[in-house]
Amino acid sequence: FRITTNGAQCISCGNCSTYCEMGIDVRAYAQKGENIVRESCVGCGMCATVCPRGVLNLENGPRKNRVNDDPIQMRNNKITLKL
């Protein structure tokens, strides 16, 4: 995942940085129009949710190299999830 920004629309309200649970200065990225690709970002999307101008967007990247989630594979064992 990554957070993409449209800096031209940012009004510097600071909501994104205030509500970031990881303490990232999201506003600084948004003002510069830079995407947020940091290991400390957990991709919760809170910054995008609280942005009044829709400057921030949470995007999921390609599924390549991800662990297949149905069924979950742990070592050589398969565990089937029942909901």
N, C-alpha and C. Protein backbone atom coordinates (compact mmCIF):
# COMPACT_ATOMS: atom_id res chain seq x y z
N PHE A 1 0.83 -1.17 0.00
CA PHE A 1 0.00 0.00 0.00
C PHE A 1 0.88 1.24 0.00
N ARG A 2 0.28 2.34 -0.30
CA ARG A 2 0.93 3.63 -0.19
C ARG A 2 -0.15 4.70 -0.08
N ILE A 3 0.23 5.84 0.43
CA ILE A 3 -0.67 6.98 0.50
C ILE A 3 -0.23 7.94 -0.60
N THR A 4 -1.11 8.22 -1.54
CA THR A 4 -0.79 9.18 -2.59
C THR A 4 -1.40 10.53 -2.22
N THR A 5 -0.76 11.59 -2.71
CA THR A 5 -1.20 12.93 -2.35
C THR A 5 -1.41 13.80 -3.58
N ASN A 6 -2.26 14.79 -3.42
CA ASN A 6 -2.47 15.82 -4.43
C ASN A 6 -2.22 17.15 -3.73
N GLY A 7 -0.95 17.56 -3.69
CA GLY A 7 -0.55 18.73 -2.93
C GLY A 7 -1.23 20.02 -3.31
N ALA A 8 -1.67 20.14 -4.55
CA ALA A 8 -2.31 21.38 -5.00
C ALA A 8 -3.60 21.64 -4.25
N GLN A 9 -4.23 20.61 -3.72
CA GLN A 9 -5.51 20.75 -3.02
C GLN A 9 -5.35 20.90 -1.51
N CYS A 10 -4.14 20.72 -0.98
CA CYS A 10 -3.90 20.75 0.47
C CYS A 10 -4.09 22.16 1.02
N ILE A 11 -4.89 22.28 2.10
CA ILE A 11 -5.12 23.59 2.73
C ILE A 11 -4.36 23.71 4.05
N SER A 12 -3.48 22.77 4.32
CA SER A 12 -2.62 22.77 5.52
C SER A 12 -3.41 22.80 6.83
N CYS A 13 -4.52 22.11 6.88
CA CYS A 13 -5.33 22.09 8.12
C CYS A 13 -4.65 21.27 9.21
N GLY A 14 -3.84 20.27 8.82
CA GLY A 14 -3.12 19.46 9.79
C GLY A 14 -3.86 18.27 10.34
N ASN A 15 -5.10 18.06 9.90
CA ASN A 15 -5.87 16.90 10.40
C ASN A 15 -5.11 15.60 10.18
N CYS A 16 -4.51 15.46 9.02
CA CYS A 16 -3.83 14.21 8.67
C CYS A 16 -2.71 13.88 9.66
N SER A 17 -1.90 14.87 9.99
CA SER A 17 -0.80 14.66 10.94
C SER A 17 -1.32 14.46 12.36
N THR A 18 -2.34 15.19 12.72
CA THR A 18 -2.92 15.09 14.07
C THR A 18 -3.46 13.70 14.33
N TYR A 19 -4.13 13.10 13.36
CA TYR A 19 -4.78 11.81 13.56
C TYR A 19 -3.93 10.62 13.16
N CYS A 20 -2.71 10.86 12.64
CA CYS A 20 -1.84 9.73 12.28
C CYS A 20 -1.37 9.04 13.55
N GLU A 21 -1.77 7.79 13.73
CA GLU A 21 -1.43 7.04 14.93
C GLU A 21 0.04 6.67 15.00
N MET A 22 0.74 6.79 13.88
CA MET A 22 2.16 6.45 13.84
C MET A 22 3.04 7.69 13.98
N GLY A 23 2.44 8.86 14.11
CA GLY A 23 3.19 10.08 14.32
C GLY A 23 3.91 10.63 13.10
N ILE A 24 3.46 10.23 11.92
CA ILE A 24 4.08 10.72 10.68
C ILE A 24 3.57 12.12 10.39
N ASP A 25 4.46 13.00 9.95
CA ASP A 25 4.07 14.36 9.57
C ASP A 25 3.48 14.30 8.16
N VAL A 26 2.28 13.80 8.06
CA VAL A 26 1.62 13.59 6.78
C VAL A 26 1.44 14.91 6.03
N ARG A 27 1.15 15.96 6.75
CA ARG A 27 0.93 17.26 6.13
C ARG A 27 2.15 17.71 5.31
N ALA A 28 3.35 17.47 5.81
CA ALA A 28 4.56 17.85 5.08
C ALA A 28 4.62 17.14 3.73
N TYR A 29 4.25 15.85 3.70
CA TYR A 29 4.23 15.11 2.44
C TYR A 29 3.15 15.67 1.52
N ALA A 30 1.98 15.93 2.09
CA ALA A 30 0.85 16.42 1.29
C ALA A 30 1.15 17.77 0.66
N GLN A 31 1.78 18.66 1.42
CA GLN A 31 2.10 19.99 0.91
C GLN A 31 3.07 19.93 -0.27
N LYS A 32 3.97 18.95 -0.23
CA LYS A 32 4.95 18.79 -1.32
C LYS A 32 4.41 17.94 -2.46
N GLY A 33 3.25 17.32 -2.26
CA GLY A 33 2.69 16.44 -3.27
C GLY A 33 3.45 15.13 -3.38
N GLU A 34 4.11 14.73 -2.29
CA GLU A 34 4.90 13.49 -2.28
C GLU A 34 4.07 12.34 -1.71
N ASN A 35 4.22 11.17 -2.33
CA ASN A 35 3.54 9.98 -1.82
C ASN A 35 4.21 9.53 -0.53
N ILE A 36 3.43 8.93 0.34
CA ILE A 36 3.95 8.45 1.62
C ILE A 36 4.21 6.96 1.50
N VAL A 37 5.47 6.63 1.44
CA VAL A 37 5.87 5.23 1.38
C VAL A 37 6.92 5.05 2.48
N ARG A 38 6.46 4.80 3.69
CA ARG A 38 7.35 4.66 4.84
C ARG A 38 7.05 3.37 5.56
N GLU A 39 8.08 2.77 6.09
CA GLU A 39 7.88 1.53 6.84
C GLU A 39 7.03 1.75 8.08
N SER A 40 7.08 2.95 8.64
CA SER A 40 6.31 3.21 9.86
C SER A 40 4.82 3.37 9.58
N CYS A 41 4.44 3.63 8.33
CA CYS A 41 3.02 3.76 7.96
C CYS A 41 2.40 2.36 7.91
N VAL A 42 1.31 2.18 8.65
CA VAL A 42 0.66 0.87 8.69
C VAL A 42 -0.52 0.77 7.73
N GLY A 43 -0.80 1.85 7.00
CA GLY A 43 -1.86 1.80 6.00
C GLY A 43 -3.26 1.79 6.55
N CYS A 44 -3.47 2.39 7.70
CA CYS A 44 -4.81 2.40 8.30
C CYS A 44 -5.77 3.30 7.52
N GLY A 45 -5.23 4.32 6.84
CA GLY A 45 -6.07 5.21 6.04
C GLY A 45 -6.74 6.32 6.82
N MET A 46 -6.41 6.46 8.10
CA MET A 46 -7.03 7.50 8.92
C MET A 46 -6.75 8.88 8.34
N CYS A 47 -5.53 9.12 7.87
CA CYS A 47 -5.19 10.43 7.32
C CYS A 47 -6.08 10.78 6.13
N ALA A 48 -6.33 9.80 5.28
CA ALA A 48 -7.19 10.03 4.12
C ALA A 48 -8.64 10.26 4.55
N THR A 49 -9.06 9.57 5.60
CA THR A 49 -10.43 9.70 6.09
C THR A 49 -10.71 11.09 6.65
N VAL A 50 -9.76 11.66 7.38
CA VAL A 50 -9.99 12.95 8.03
C VAL A 50 -9.65 14.15 7.15
N CYS A 51 -9.14 13.92 5.96
CA CYS A 51 -8.78 15.03 5.07
C CYS A 51 -10.04 15.64 4.46
N PRO A 52 -10.31 16.93 4.74
CA PRO A 52 -11.54 17.54 4.23
C PRO A 52 -11.52 17.82 2.73
N ARG A 53 -10.35 17.78 2.11
CA ARG A 53 -10.24 18.09 0.69
C ARG A 53 -10.00 16.86 -0.18
N GLY A 54 -9.87 15.70 0.42
CA GLY A 54 -9.63 14.49 -0.36
C GLY A 54 -8.25 14.45 -0.98
N VAL A 55 -7.29 15.09 -0.33
CA VAL A 55 -5.92 15.17 -0.85
C VAL A 55 -5.21 13.83 -0.78
N LEU A 56 -5.53 13.04 0.23
CA LEU A 56 -4.83 11.78 0.47
C LEU A 56 -5.68 10.59 0.05
N ASN A 57 -5.01 9.62 -0.56
CA ASN A 57 -5.70 8.40 -1.00
C ASN A 57 -4.87 7.19 -0.61
N LEU A 58 -5.51 6.22 0.01
CA LEU A 58 -4.85 4.96 0.34
C LEU A 58 -4.99 4.04 -0.86
N GLU A 59 -3.85 3.62 -1.41
CA GLU A 59 -3.86 2.73 -2.58
C GLU A 59 -3.17 1.43 -2.22
N ASN A 60 -3.75 0.34 -2.65
CA ASN A 60 -3.13 -0.97 -2.47
C ASN A 60 -2.30 -1.28 -3.70
N GLY A 61 -1.12 -1.80 -3.47
CA GLY A 61 -0.23 -2.15 -4.57
C GLY A 61 -0.59 -3.51 -5.15
N PRO A 62 0.25 -3.98 -6.06
CA PRO A 62 -0.01 -5.28 -6.68
C PRO A 62 0.08 -6.40 -5.66
N ARG A 63 -0.65 -7.47 -5.90
CA ARG A 63 -0.68 -8.59 -4.96
C ARG A 63 0.52 -9.52 -5.14
N LYS A 64 1.39 -9.21 -6.08
CA LYS A 64 2.57 -10.04 -6.33
C LYS A 64 3.41 -10.15 -5.06
N ASN A 65 3.88 -11.35 -4.79
CA ASN A 65 4.74 -11.66 -3.64
C ASN A 65 4.02 -11.56 -2.28
N ARG A 66 2.71 -11.50 -2.26
CA ARG A 66 1.98 -11.53 -1.00
C ARG A 66 1.68 -12.97 -0.62
N VAL A 67 1.48 -13.20 0.65
CA VAL A 67 1.09 -14.52 1.11
C VAL A 67 -0.36 -14.75 0.69
N ASN A 68 -0.64 -15.90 0.11
CA ASN A 68 -2.01 -16.23 -0.27
C ASN A 68 -2.84 -16.38 0.99
N ASP A 69 -3.93 -15.64 1.08
CA ASP A 69 -4.69 -15.62 2.33
C ASP A 69 -5.87 -16.58 2.38
N ASP A 70 -6.06 -17.45 1.39
CA ASP A 70 -7.19 -18.38 1.46
C ASP A 70 -6.85 -19.66 0.71
N PRO A 71 -6.46 -20.71 1.35
CA PRO A 71 -6.25 -20.86 2.78
C PRO A 71 -4.92 -20.28 3.23
N ILE A 72 -4.78 -20.04 4.54
CA ILE A 72 -3.52 -19.55 5.08
C ILE A 72 -2.51 -20.68 5.03
N GLN A 73 -1.31 -20.37 4.58
CA GLN A 73 -0.27 -21.38 4.53
C GLN A 73 0.79 -21.04 5.56
N MET A 74 1.05 -21.97 6.42
CA MET A 74 2.10 -21.81 7.42
C MET A 74 3.03 -22.99 7.27
N ARG A 75 4.24 -22.72 6.85
CA ARG A 75 5.22 -23.74 6.54
C ARG A 75 4.60 -24.68 5.51
N ASN A 76 4.54 -25.95 5.81
CA ASN A 76 3.96 -26.89 4.86
C ASN A 76 2.53 -27.28 5.24
N ASN A 77 2.00 -26.66 6.27
CA ASN A 77 0.65 -26.99 6.73
C ASN A 77 -0.35 -26.00 6.16
N LYS A 78 -1.52 -26.48 5.84
CA LYS A 78 -2.59 -25.60 5.38
C LYS A 78 -3.65 -25.53 6.47
N ILE A 79 -4.07 -24.34 6.76
CA ILE A 79 -5.12 -24.12 7.75
C ILE A 79 -6.27 -23.44 7.03
N THR A 80 -7.44 -24.02 7.09
CA THR A 80 -8.61 -23.43 6.44
C THR A 80 -9.39 -22.62 7.46
N LEU A 81 -9.71 -21.41 7.07
CA LEU A 81 -10.49 -20.54 7.95
C LEU A 81 -11.97 -20.77 7.74
N LYS A 82 -12.72 -20.90 8.81
CA LYS A 82 -14.17 -21.03 8.74
C LYS A 82 -14.77 -19.81 9.40
N LEU A 83 -15.63 -19.13 8.70
CA LEU A 83 -16.26 -17.94 9.26
C LEU A 83 -17.70 -18.20 9.62
